[in-house]
Amino acid sequence: MKIGNSPDGIASPPKAERRAEAAAAPPSIAAAPPSIAAVRPSIAAAPPSAQVAISSAAQLAASAGADDGSFDAAKVQRISQAISEGKFTVDADAIADKLVANAQELLSAPANKH
């Protein structure tokens, strides 16, 4: 079975025929669809109704990650080069130890109250 053939034997027209049909179509059909403002002006003119509030915990987390010098571009470059040269090795034991330590830390921390 050829790709593109339907089981009932009706095949789609070749690309060249589809392009010719699209070019011959009236401009209203071949043109891009209208914007939402043109179709439903009431939607475009409506004032925004959604309000977003960022919690203090989220603000703290965002400010904690803001350029605190923890990003080491030179280290990233060294690791990237080692990966591309096939010299990078993963220490599975160290990763497992850190995952367990992180899980223990999260489980022993008091529950955050919202």
PDB file of N, CA and C in Angstrom:
ATOM      1  N   MET A   1       0.843  -1.171   0.000  1.00  0.00           N
ATOM      2  CA  MET A   1       0.000   0.000   0.000  1.00  0.00           C
ATOM      3  C   MET A   1       0.889   1.235   0.000  1.00  0.00           C
ATOM      4  N   LYS A   2       0.567   2.178  -0.828  1.00  0.00           N
ATOM      5  CA  LYS A   2       1.327   3.420  -0.903  1.00  0.00           C
ATOM      6  C   LYS A   2       0.876   4.367   0.182  1.00  0.00           C
ATOM      7  N   ILE A   3       1.805   5.180   0.631  1.00  0.00           N
ATOM      8  CA  ILE A   3       1.458   6.191   1.618  1.00  0.00           C
ATOM      9  C   ILE A   3       0.577   7.231   0.954  1.00  0.00           C
ATOM     10  N   GLY A   4      -0.481   7.604   1.605  1.00  0.00           N
ATOM     11  CA  GLY A   4      -1.368   8.625   1.074  1.00  0.00           C
ATOM     12  C   GLY A   4      -2.596   8.051   0.390  1.00  0.00           C
ATOM     13  N   ASN A   5      -2.597   6.784   0.057  1.00  0.00           N
ATOM     14  CA  ASN A   5      -3.775   6.188  -0.566  1.00  0.00           C
ATOM     15  C   ASN A   5      -4.735   5.732   0.514  1.00  0.00           C
ATOM     16  N   SER A   6      -5.990   6.042   0.329  1.00  0.00           N
ATOM     17  CA  SER A   6      -6.979   5.609   1.294  1.00  0.00           C
ATOM     18  C   SER A   6      -7.422   4.193   0.952  1.00  0.00           C
ATOM     19  N   PRO A   7      -7.980   3.470   1.911  1.00  0.00           N
ATOM     20  CA  PRO A   7      -8.395   2.087   1.659  1.00  0.00           C
ATOM     21  C   PRO A   7      -9.447   1.965   0.564  1.00  0.00           C
ATOM     22  N   ASP A   8     -10.266   2.998   0.364  1.00  0.00           N
ATOM     23  CA  ASP A   8     -11.311   2.898  -0.651  1.00  0.00           C
ATOM     24  C   ASP A   8     -10.819   3.298  -2.033  1.00  0.00           C
ATOM     25  N   GLY A   9      -9.529   3.545  -2.180  1.00  0.00           N
ATOM     26  CA  GLY A   9      -8.944   3.809  -3.493  1.00  0.00           C
ATOM     27  C   GLY A   9      -8.967   5.266  -3.913  1.00  0.00           C
ATOM     28  N   ILE A  10      -9.516   6.166  -3.099  1.00  0.00           N
ATOM     29  CA  ILE A  10      -9.551   7.581  -3.450  1.00  0.00           C
ATOM     30  C   ILE A  10      -8.276   8.219  -2.923  1.00  0.00           C
ATOM     31  N   ALA A  11      -7.458   8.707  -3.828  1.00  0.00           N
ATOM     32  CA  ALA A  11      -6.189   9.313  -3.430  1.00  0.00           C
ATOM     33  C   ALA A  11      -6.315  10.830  -3.440  1.00  0.00           C
ATOM     34  N   SER A  12      -5.527  11.485  -2.609  1.00  0.00           N
ATOM     35  CA  SER A  12      -5.537  12.942  -2.616  1.00  0.00           C
ATOM     36  C   SER A  12      -4.775  13.425  -3.841  1.00  0.00           C
ATOM     37  N   PRO A  13      -5.121  14.601  -4.372  1.00  0.00           N
ATOM     38  CA  PRO A  13      -4.441  15.095  -5.568  1.00  0.00           C
ATOM     39  C   PRO A  13      -2.983  15.431  -5.256  1.00  0.00           C
ATOM     40  N   PRO A  14      -2.119  15.367  -6.256  1.00  0.00           N
ATOM     41  CA  PRO A  14      -0.719  15.724  -6.051  1.00  0.00           C
ATOM     42  C   PRO A  14      -0.592  17.175  -5.606  1.00  0.00           C
ATOM     43  N   LYS A  15       0.565  17.503  -5.010  1.00  0.00           N
ATOM     44  CA  LYS A  15       0.784  18.853  -4.489  1.00  0.00           C
ATOM     45  C   LYS A  15       0.595  19.919  -5.557  1.00  0.00           C
ATOM     46  N   ALA A  16       1.081  19.662  -6.745  1.00  0.00           N
ATOM     47  CA  ALA A  16       0.985  20.658  -7.813  1.00  0.00           C
ATOM     48  C   ALA A  16      -0.475  20.999  -8.100  1.00  0.00           C
ATOM     49  N   GLU A  17      -1.342  20.003  -8.100  1.00  0.00           N
ATOM     50  CA  GLU A  17      -2.761  20.255  -8.348  1.00  0.00           C
ATOM     51  C   GLU A  17      -3.378  21.048  -7.195  1.00  0.00           C
ATOM     52  N   ARG A  18      -3.011  20.731  -5.964  1.00  0.00           N
ATOM     53  CA  ARG A  18      -3.558  21.456  -4.818  1.00  0.00           C
ATOM     54  C   ARG A  18      -3.125  22.914  -4.847  1.00  0.00           C
ATOM     55  N   ARG A  19      -1.852  23.177  -5.232  1.00  0.00           N
ATOM     56  CA  ARG A  19      -1.377  24.555  -5.330  1.00  0.00           C
ATOM     57  C   ARG A  19      -2.144  25.314  -6.404  1.00  0.00           C
ATOM     58  N   ALA A  20      -2.375  24.675  -7.528  1.00  0.00           N
ATOM     59  CA  ALA A  20      -3.104  25.325  -8.621  1.00  0.00           C
ATOM     60  C   ALA A  20      -4.533  25.640  -8.191  1.00  0.00           C
ATOM     61  N   GLU A  21      -5.170  24.725  -7.456  1.00  0.00           N
ATOM     62  CA  GLU A  21      -6.522  24.961  -6.979  1.00  0.00           C
ATOM     63  C   GLU A  21      -6.555  26.129  -5.989  1.00  0.00           C
ATOM     64  N   ALA A  22      -5.553  26.205  -5.112  1.00  0.00           N
ATOM     65  CA  ALA A  22      -5.503  27.287  -4.138  1.00  0.00           C
ATOM     66  C   ALA A  22      -5.283  28.624  -4.824  1.00  0.00           C
ATOM     67  N   ALA A  23      -4.466  28.639  -5.864  1.00  0.00           N
ATOM     68  CA  ALA A  23      -4.198  29.884  -6.588  1.00  0.00           C
ATOM     69  C   ALA A  23      -5.441  30.342  -7.353  1.00  0.00           C
ATOM     70  N   ALA A  24      -6.245  29.395  -7.830  1.00  0.00           N
ATOM     71  CA  ALA A  24      -7.429  29.729  -8.609  1.00  0.00           C
ATOM     72  C   ALA A  24      -8.631  30.061  -7.722  1.00  0.00           C
ATOM     73  N   ALA A  25      -8.525  29.815  -6.435  1.00  0.00           N
ATOM     74  CA  ALA A  25      -9.645  30.060  -5.525  1.00  0.00           C
ATOM     75  C   ALA A  25      -9.904  31.556  -5.413  1.00  0.00           C
ATOM     76  N   PRO A  26     -11.144  31.935  -5.150  1.00  0.00           N
ATOM     77  CA  PRO A  26     -11.462  33.348  -4.971  1.00  0.00           C
ATOM     78  C   PRO A  26     -10.638  33.921  -3.817  1.00  0.00           C
ATOM     79  N   PRO A  27     -10.302  35.205  -3.865  1.00  0.00           N
ATOM     80  CA  PRO A  27      -9.467  35.804  -2.821  1.00  0.00           C
ATOM     81  C   PRO A  27     -10.017  35.645  -1.409  1.00  0.00           C
ATOM     82  N   SER A  28     -11.336  35.638  -1.262  1.00  0.00           N
ATOM     83  CA  SER A  28     -11.903  35.516   0.079  1.00  0.00           C
ATOM     84  C   SER A  28     -11.613  34.155   0.698  1.00  0.00           C
ATOM     85  N   ILE A  29     -11.466  33.133  -0.120  1.00  0.00           N
ATOM     86  CA  ILE A  29     -11.184  31.792   0.396  1.00  0.00           C
ATOM     87  C   ILE A  29      -9.686  31.602   0.569  1.00  0.00           C
ATOM     88  N   ALA A  30      -8.891  32.093  -0.380  1.00  0.00           N
ATOM     89  CA  ALA A  30      -7.451  31.881  -0.342  1.00  0.00           C
ATOM     90  C   ALA A  30      -6.769  32.788   0.674  1.00  0.00           C
ATOM     91  N   ALA A  31      -7.418  33.861   1.094  1.00  0.00           N
ATOM     92  CA  ALA A  31      -6.802  34.817   2.018  1.00  0.00           C
ATOM     93  C   ALA A  31      -6.716  34.227   3.417  1.00  0.00           C
ATOM     94  N   ALA A  32      -5.878  34.836   4.226  1.00  0.00           N
ATOM     95  CA  ALA A  32      -5.726  34.403   5.615  1.00  0.00           C
ATOM     96  C   ALA A  32      -7.026  34.658   6.364  1.00  0.00           C
ATOM     97  N   PRO A  33      -7.292  33.866   7.397  1.00  0.00           N
ATOM     98  CA  PRO A  33      -8.526  34.066   8.157  1.00  0.00           C
ATOM     99  C   PRO A  33      -8.511  35.429   8.845  1.00  0.00           C
ATOM    100  N   PRO A  34      -9.683  36.027   9.062  1.00  0.00           N
ATOM    101  CA  PRO A  34      -9.741  37.343   9.709  1.00  0.00           C
ATOM    102  C   PRO A  34      -9.335  37.243  11.170  1.00  0.00           C
ATOM    103  N   SER A  35      -8.945  38.361  11.725  1.00  0.00           N
ATOM    104  CA  SER A  35      -8.559  38.381  13.131  1.00  0.00           C
ATOM    105  C   SER A  35      -9.803  38.237  13.995  1.00  0.00           C
ATOM    106  N   ILE A  36      -9.587  37.924  15.246  1.00  0.00           N
ATOM    107  CA  ILE A  36     -10.717  37.767  16.166  1.00  0.00           C
ATOM    108  C   ILE A  36     -11.459  39.086  16.344  1.00  0.00           C
ATOM    109  N   ALA A  37     -10.734  40.207  16.266  1.00  0.00           N
ATOM    110  CA  ALA A  37     -11.377  41.512  16.418  1.00  0.00           C
ATOM    111  C   ALA A  37     -12.341  41.779  15.277  1.00  0.00           C
ATOM    112  N   ALA A  38     -12.012  41.277  14.078  1.00  0.00           N
ATOM    113  CA  ALA A  38     -12.896  41.492  12.941  1.00  0.00           C
ATOM    114  C   ALA A  38     -14.141  40.616  13.038  1.00  0.00           C
ATOM    115  N   VAL A  39     -13.994  39.417  13.570  1.00  0.00           N
ATOM    116  CA  VAL A  39     -15.117  38.493  13.654  1.00  0.00           C
ATOM    117  C   VAL A  39     -16.012  38.808  14.843  1.00  0.00           C
ATOM    118  N   ARG A  40     -15.405  39.047  16.005  1.00  0.00           N
ATOM    119  CA  ARG A  40     -16.184  39.307  17.217  1.00  0.00           C
ATOM    120  C   ARG A  40     -15.621  40.536  17.910  1.00  0.00           C
ATOM    121  N   PRO A  41     -16.009  41.740  17.468  1.00  0.00           N
ATOM    122  CA  PRO A  41     -15.474  42.965  18.055  1.00  0.00           C
ATOM    123  C   PRO A  41     -15.702  43.058  19.553  1.00  0.00           C
ATOM    124  N   SER A  42     -16.760  42.448  20.065  1.00  0.00           N
ATOM    125  CA  SER A  42     -17.050  42.538  21.499  1.00  0.00           C
ATOM    126  C   SER A  42     -15.959  41.851  22.316  1.00  0.00           C
ATOM    127  N   ILE A  43     -15.341  40.819  21.765  1.00  0.00           N
ATOM    128  CA  ILE A  43     -14.264  40.130  22.482  1.00  0.00           C
ATOM    129  C   ILE A  43     -13.024  41.009  22.533  1.00  0.00           C
ATOM    130  N   ALA A  44     -12.690  41.613  21.406  1.00  0.00           N
ATOM    131  CA  ALA A  44     -11.485  42.444  21.355  1.00  0.00           C
ATOM    132  C   ALA A  44     -11.631  43.681  22.229  1.00  0.00           C
ATOM    133  N   ALA A  45     -12.838  44.221  22.370  1.00  0.00           N
ATOM    134  CA  ALA A  45     -13.043  45.448  23.132  1.00  0.00           C
ATOM    135  C   ALA A  45     -13.284  45.181  24.614  1.00  0.00           C
ATOM    136  N   ALA A  46     -13.503  43.938  24.982  1.00  0.00           N
ATOM    137  CA  ALA A  46     -13.807  43.622  26.374  1.00  0.00           C
ATOM    138  C   ALA A  46     -12.582  43.855  27.249  1.00  0.00           C
ATOM    139  N   PRO A  47     -12.794  44.419  28.432  1.00  0.00           N
ATOM    140  CA  PRO A  47     -11.657  44.621  29.340  1.00  0.00           C
ATOM    141  C   PRO A  47     -11.187  43.272  29.885  1.00  0.00           C
ATOM    142  N   PRO A  48      -9.912  43.167  30.201  1.00  0.00           N
ATOM    143  CA  PRO A  48      -9.420  41.897  30.738  1.00  0.00           C
ATOM    144  C   PRO A  48     -10.103  41.582  32.059  1.00  0.00           C
ATOM    145  N   SER A  49     -10.466  40.338  32.260  1.00  0.00           N
ATOM    146  CA  SER A  49     -11.177  39.969  33.474  1.00  0.00           C
ATOM    147  C   SER A  49     -10.330  39.109  34.408  1.00  0.00           C
ATOM    148  N   ALA A  50      -9.256  38.530  33.902  1.00  0.00           N
ATOM    149  CA  ALA A  50      -8.426  37.679  34.744  1.00  0.00           C
ATOM    150  C   ALA A  50      -7.442  38.517  35.535  1.00  0.00           C
ATOM    151  N   GLN A  51      -7.334  38.215  36.805  1.00  0.00           N
ATOM    152  CA  GLN A  51      -6.363  38.890  37.643  1.00  0.00           C
ATOM    153  C   GLN A  51      -5.412  37.836  38.195  1.00  0.00           C
ATOM    154  N   VAL A  52      -4.139  38.143  38.156  1.00  0.00           N
ATOM    155  CA  VAL A  52      -3.126  37.210  38.615  1.00  0.00           C
ATOM    156  C   VAL A  52      -2.423  37.811  39.814  1.00  0.00           C
ATOM    157  N   ALA A  53      -2.285  37.031  40.846  1.00  0.00           N
ATOM    158  CA  ALA A  53      -1.557  37.477  42.038  1.00  0.00           C
ATOM    159  C   ALA A  53      -0.451  36.476  42.323  1.00  0.00           C
ATOM    160  N   ILE A  54       0.738  36.981  42.537  1.00  0.00           N
ATOM    161  CA  ILE A  54       1.880  36.121  42.823  1.00  0.00           C
ATOM    162  C   ILE A  54       2.037  36.051  44.335  1.00  0.00           C
ATOM    163  N   SER A  55       2.093  34.841  44.857  1.00  0.00           N
ATOM    164  CA  SER A  55       2.211  34.668  46.299  1.00  0.00           C
ATOM    165  C   SER A  55       3.569  35.156  46.783  1.00  0.00           C
ATOM    166  N   SER A  56       3.648  35.417  48.073  1.00  0.00           N
ATOM    167  CA  SER A  56       4.914  35.878  48.641  1.00  0.00           C
ATOM    168  C   SER A  56       5.987  34.805  48.517  1.00  0.00           C
ATOM    169  N   ALA A  57       5.593  33.542  48.597  1.00  0.00           N
ATOM    170  CA  ALA A  57       6.564  32.451  48.440  1.00  0.00           C
ATOM    171  C   ALA A  57       7.122  32.431  47.024  1.00  0.00           C
ATOM    172  N   ALA A  58       6.257  32.661  46.038  1.00  0.00           N
ATOM    173  CA  ALA A  58       6.721  32.697  44.655  1.00  0.00           C
ATOM    174  C   ALA A  58       7.621  33.892  44.409  1.00  0.00           C
ATOM    175  N   GLN A  59       7.285  35.032  45.016  1.00  0.00           N
ATOM    176  CA  GLN A  59       8.140  36.217  44.874  1.00  0.00           C
ATOM    177  C   GLN A  59       9.500  35.981  45.513  1.00  0.00           C
ATOM    178  N   LEU A  60       9.512  35.319  46.658  1.00  0.00           N
ATOM    179  CA  LEU A  60      10.767  35.004  47.336  1.00  0.00           C
ATOM    180  C   LEU A  60      11.608  34.047  46.496  1.00  0.00           C
ATOM    181  N   ALA A  61      10.964  33.030  45.930  1.00  0.00           N
ATOM    182  CA  ALA A  61      11.679  32.071  45.099  1.00  0.00           C
ATOM    183  C   ALA A  61      12.249  32.745  43.853  1.00  0.00           C
ATOM    184  N   ALA A  62      11.491  33.651  43.268  1.00  0.00           N
ATOM    185  CA  ALA A  62      11.959  34.356  42.073  1.00  0.00           C
ATOM    186  C   ALA A  62      13.131  35.263  42.399  1.00  0.00           C
ATOM    187  N   SER A  63      13.065  35.936  43.540  1.00  0.00           N
ATOM    188  CA  SER A  63      14.162  36.835  43.892  1.00  0.00           C
ATOM    189  C   SER A  63      15.392  36.054  44.328  1.00  0.00           C
ATOM    190  N   ALA A  64      15.207  34.863  44.884  1.00  0.00           N
ATOM    191  CA  ALA A  64      16.343  34.050  45.315  1.00  0.00           C
ATOM    192  C   ALA A  64      17.142  33.549  44.119  1.00  0.00           C
ATOM    193  N   GLY A  65      16.477  33.305  43.002  1.00  0.00           N
ATOM    194  CA  GLY A  65      17.170  32.801  41.826  1.00  0.00           C
ATOM    195  C   GLY A  65      17.709  33.898  40.937  1.00  0.00           C
ATOM    196  N   ALA A  66      17.502  35.142  41.305  1.00  0.00           N
ATOM    197  CA  ALA A  66      17.908  36.259  40.462  1.00  0.00           C
ATOM    198  C   ALA A  66      19.398  36.543  40.609  1.00  0.00           C
ATOM    199  N   ASP A  67      20.146  36.199  39.621  1.00  0.00           N
ATOM    200  CA  ASP A  67      21.571  36.503  39.477  1.00  0.00           C
ATOM    201  C   ASP A  67      22.325  36.546  40.805  1.00  0.00           C
ATOM    202  N   ASP A  68      22.301  35.437  41.506  1.00  0.00           N
ATOM    203  CA  ASP A  68      23.029  35.369  42.770  1.00  0.00           C
ATOM    204  C   ASP A  68      24.456  34.856  42.579  1.00  0.00           C
ATOM    205  N   GLY A  69      24.901  34.762  41.342  1.00  0.00           N
ATOM    206  CA  GLY A  69      26.257  34.328  41.052  1.00  0.00           C
ATOM    207  C   GLY A  69      26.410  32.823  41.025  1.00  0.00           C
ATOM    208  N   SER A  70      25.315  32.072  41.132  1.00  0.00           N
ATOM    209  CA  SER A  70      25.419  30.619  41.156  1.00  0.00           C
ATOM    210  C   SER A  70      25.621  30.032  39.769  1.00  0.00           C
ATOM    211  N   PHE A  71      25.416  30.792  38.729  1.00  0.00           N
ATOM    212  CA  PHE A  71      25.617  30.296  37.369  1.00  0.00           C
ATOM    213  C   PHE A  71      27.077  30.469  36.984  1.00  0.00           C
ATOM    214  N   ASP A  72      27.733  29.369  36.694  1.00  0.00           N
ATOM    215  CA  ASP A  72      29.148  29.381  36.335  1.00  0.00           C
ATOM    216  C   ASP A  72      29.270  29.047  34.854  1.00  0.00           C
ATOM    217  N   ALA A  73      29.378  30.074  34.021  1.00  0.00           N
ATOM    218  CA  ALA A  73      29.427  29.874  32.570  1.00  0.00           C
ATOM    219  C   ALA A  73      30.639  29.046  32.162  1.00  0.00           C
ATOM    220  N   ALA A  74      31.759  29.226  32.845  1.00  0.00           N
ATOM    221  CA  ALA A  74      32.957  28.458  32.500  1.00  0.00           C
ATOM    222  C   ALA A  74      32.747  26.964  32.766  1.00  0.00           C
ATOM    223  N   LYS A  75      32.072  26.658  33.874  1.00  0.00           N
ATOM    224  CA  LYS A  75      31.799  25.259  34.198  1.00  0.00           C
ATOM    225  C   LYS A  75      30.856  24.642  33.168  1.00  0.00           C
ATOM    226  N   VAL A  76      29.856  25.403  32.768  1.00  0.00           N
ATOM    227  CA  VAL A  76      28.920  24.922  31.749  1.00  0.00           C
ATOM    228  C   VAL A  76      29.672  24.636  30.448  1.00  0.00           C
ATOM    229  N   GLN A  77      30.590  25.516  30.082  1.00  0.00           N
ATOM    230  CA  GLN A  77      31.380  25.327  28.862  1.00  0.00           C
ATOM    231  C   GLN A  77      32.249  24.075  28.973  1.00  0.00           C
ATOM    232  N   ARG A  78      32.884  23.855  30.133  1.00  0.00           N
ATOM    233  CA  ARG A  78      33.732  22.662  30.324  1.00  0.00           C
ATOM    234  C   ARG A  78      32.901  21.394  30.211  1.00  0.00           C
ATOM    235  N   ILE A  79      31.730  21.374  30.834  1.00  0.00           N
ATOM    236  CA  ILE A  79      30.867  20.190  30.776  1.00  0.00           C
ATOM    237  C   ILE A  79      30.373  19.960  29.361  1.00  0.00           C
ATOM    238  N   SER A  80      29.987  21.040  28.688  1.00  0.00           N
ATOM    239  CA  SER A  80      29.518  20.926  27.301  1.00  0.00           C
ATOM    240  C   SER A  80      30.606  20.345  26.402  1.00  0.00           C
ATOM    241  N   GLN A  81      31.822  20.816  26.586  1.00  0.00           N
ATOM    242  CA  GLN A  81      32.933  20.314  25.776  1.00  0.00           C
ATOM    243  C   GLN A  81      33.202  18.843  26.096  1.00  0.00           C
ATOM    244  N   ALA A  82      33.165  18.476  27.369  1.00  0.00           N
ATOM    245  CA  ALA A  82      33.393  17.082  27.743  1.00  0.00           C
ATOM    246  C   ALA A  82      32.321  16.174  27.152  1.00  0.00           C
ATOM    247  N   ILE A  83      31.086  16.636  27.130  1.00  0.00           N
ATOM    248  CA  ILE A  83      29.997  15.845  26.538  1.00  0.00           C
ATOM    249  C   ILE A  83      30.233  15.674  25.045  1.00  0.00           C
ATOM    250  N   SER A  84      30.547  16.769  24.360  1.00  0.00           N
ATOM    251  CA  SER A  84      30.744  16.687  22.911  1.00  0.00           C
ATOM    252  C   SER A  84      31.954  15.820  22.549  1.00  0.00           C
ATOM    253  N   GLU A  85      32.961  15.739  23.432  1.00  0.00           N
ATOM    254  CA  GLU A  85      34.136  14.906  23.177  1.00  0.00           C
ATOM    255  C   GLU A  85      33.947  13.473  23.667  1.00  0.00           C
ATOM    256  N   GLY A  86      32.813  13.202  24.323  1.00  0.00           N
ATOM    257  CA  GLY A  86      32.544  11.856  24.822  1.00  0.00           C
ATOM    258  C   GLY A  86      33.326  11.523  26.087  1.00  0.00           C
ATOM    259  N   LYS A  87      33.801  12.530  26.802  1.00  0.00           N
ATOM    260  CA  LYS A  87      34.617  12.320  28.000  1.00  0.00           C
ATOM    261  C   LYS A  87      33.837  12.544  29.291  1.00  0.00           C
ATOM    262  N   PHE A  88      32.595  12.956  29.193  1.00  0.00           N
ATOM    263  CA  PHE A  88      31.802  13.256  30.386  1.00  0.00           C
ATOM    264  C   PHE A  88      31.263  11.971  30.972  1.00  0.00           C
ATOM    265  N   THR A  89      31.462  11.773  32.258  1.00  0.00           N
ATOM    266  CA  THR A  89      30.925  10.593  32.928  1.00  0.00           C
ATOM    267  C   THR A  89      29.970  11.046  34.029  1.00  0.00           C
ATOM    268  N   VAL A  90      28.971  10.241  34.270  1.00  0.00           N
ATOM    269  CA  VAL A  90      27.970  10.543  35.284  1.00  0.00           C
ATOM    270  C   VAL A  90      28.239   9.661  36.495  1.00  0.00           C
ATOM    271  N   ASP A  91      28.337  10.264  37.662  1.00  0.00           N
ATOM    272  CA  ASP A  91      28.545   9.520  38.902  1.00  0.00           C
ATOM    273  C   ASP A  91      27.170   9.216  39.491  1.00  0.00           C
ATOM    274  N   ALA A  92      26.651   8.036  39.173  1.00  0.00           N
ATOM    275  CA  ALA A  92      25.300   7.663  39.593  1.00  0.00           C
ATOM    276  C   ALA A  92      25.181   7.603  41.110  1.00  0.00           C
ATOM    277  N   ASP A  93      26.236   7.170  41.808  1.00  0.00           N
ATOM    278  CA  ASP A  93      26.180   7.091  43.270  1.00  0.00           C
ATOM    279  C   ASP A  93      26.029   8.482  43.894  1.00  0.00           C
ATOM    280  N   ALA A  94      26.774   9.453  43.369  1.00  0.00           N
ATOM    281  CA  ALA A  94      26.684  10.812  43.905  1.00  0.00           C
ATOM    282  C   ALA A  94      25.304  11.399  43.657  1.00  0.00           C
ATOM    283  N   ILE A  95      24.749  11.149  42.486  1.00  0.00           N
ATOM    284  CA  ILE A  95      23.410  11.651  42.173  1.00  0.00           C
ATOM    285  C   ILE A  95      22.376  11.011  43.091  1.00  0.00           C
ATOM    286  N   ALA A  96      22.472   9.701  43.293  1.00  0.00           N
ATOM    287  CA  ALA A  96      21.534   9.002  44.169  1.00  0.00           C
ATOM    288  C   ALA A  96      21.631   9.520  45.594  1.00  0.00           C
ATOM    289  N   ASP A  97      22.855   9.728  46.083  1.00  0.00           N
ATOM    290  CA  ASP A  97      23.030  10.242  47.443  1.00  0.00           C
ATOM    291  C   ASP A  97      22.386  11.619  47.600  1.00  0.00           C
ATOM    292  N   LYS A  98      22.575  12.477  46.602  1.00  0.00           N
ATOM    293  CA  LYS A  98      22.002  13.826  46.687  1.00  0.00           C
ATOM    294  C   LYS A  98      20.481  13.801  46.584  1.00  0.00           C
ATOM    295  N   LEU A  99      19.947  12.898  45.774  1.00  0.00           N
ATOM    296  CA  LEU A  99      18.491  12.772  45.677  1.00  0.00           C
ATOM    297  C   LEU A  99      17.893  12.318  47.008  1.00  0.00           C
ATOM    298  N   VAL A 100      18.538  11.351  47.646  1.00  0.00           N
ATOM    299  CA  VAL A 100      18.045  10.862  48.931  1.00  0.00           C
ATOM    300  C   VAL A 100      18.135  11.963  49.975  1.00  0.00           C
ATOM    301  N   ALA A 101      19.256  12.688  50.010  1.00  0.00           N
ATOM    302  CA  ALA A 101      19.416  13.781  50.971  1.00  0.00           C
ATOM    303  C   ALA A 101      18.361  14.859  50.745  1.00  0.00           C
ATOM    304  N   ASN A 102      18.091  15.174  49.486  1.00  0.00           N
ATOM    305  CA  ASN A 102      17.086  16.181  49.169  1.00  0.00           C
ATOM    306  C   ASN A 102      15.707  15.706  49.613  1.00  0.00           C
ATOM    307  N   ALA A 103      15.381  14.444  49.357  1.00  0.00           N
ATOM    308  CA  ALA A 103      14.082  13.907  49.756  1.00  0.00           C
ATOM    309  C   ALA A 103      13.939  13.928  51.273  1.00  0.00           C
ATOM    310  N   GLN A 104      15.015  13.556  51.992  1.00  0.00           N
ATOM    311  CA  GLN A 104      14.957  13.586  53.458  1.00  0.00           C
ATOM    312  C   GLN A 104      14.745  15.012  53.970  1.00  0.00           C
ATOM    313  N   GLU A 105      15.408  15.960  53.329  1.00  0.00           N
ATOM    314  CA  GLU A 105      15.252  17.363  53.721  1.00  0.00           C
ATOM    315  C   GLU A 105      13.818  17.841  53.510  1.00  0.00           C
ATOM    316  N   LEU A 106      13.248  17.481  52.367  1.00  0.00           N
ATOM    317  CA  LEU A 106      11.869  17.889  52.082  1.00  0.00           C
ATOM    318  C   LEU A 106      10.880  17.227  53.029  1.00  0.00           C
ATOM    319  N   LEU A 107      11.117  15.956  53.365  1.00  0.00           N
ATOM    320  CA  LEU A 107      10.194  15.245  54.244  1.00  0.00           C
ATOM    321  C   LEU A 107      10.294  15.715  55.697  1.00  0.00           C
ATOM    322  N   SER A 108      11.470  16.178  56.111  1.00  0.00           N
ATOM    323  CA  SER A 108      11.632  16.611  57.492  1.00  0.00           C
ATOM    324  C   SER A 108      11.272  18.076  57.707  1.00  0.00           C
ATOM    325  N   ALA A 109      11.110  18.830  56.616  1.00  0.00           N
ATOM    326  CA  ALA A 109      10.761  20.253  56.730  1.00  0.00           C
ATOM    327  C   ALA A 109       9.315  20.384  57.174  1.00  0.00           C
ATOM    328  N   PRO A 110       9.017  21.380  58.001  1.00  0.00           N
ATOM    329  CA  PRO A 110       7.615  21.582  58.406  1.00  0.00           C
ATOM    330  C   PRO A 110       6.773  21.952  57.189  1.00  0.00           C
ATOM    331  N   ALA A 111       5.531  21.550  57.220  1.00  0.00           N
ATOM    332  CA  ALA A 111       4.622  21.825  56.095  1.00  0.00           C
ATOM    333  C   ALA A 111       4.392  23.314  55.980  1.00  0.00           C
ATOM    334  N   ASN A 112       4.455  23.815  54.747  1.00  0.00           N
ATOM    335  CA  ASN A 112       4.188  25.234  54.496  1.00  0.00           C
ATOM    336  C   ASN A 112       2.707  25.491  54.614  1.00  0.00           C
ATOM    337  N   LYS A 113       2.373  26.565  55.275  1.00  0.00           N
ATOM    338  CA  LYS A 113       0.970  26.962  55.408  1.00  0.00           C
ATOM    339  C   LYS A 113       0.675  28.024  54.367  1.00  0.00           C
ATOM    340  N   HIS A 114      -0.444  27.903  53.667  1.00  0.00           N
ATOM    341  CA  HIS A 114      -0.799  28.863  52.617  1.00  0.00           C
ATOM    342  C   HIS A 114      -1.557  29.983  53.183  1.00  0.00           C
TER     343      HIS A 114
END
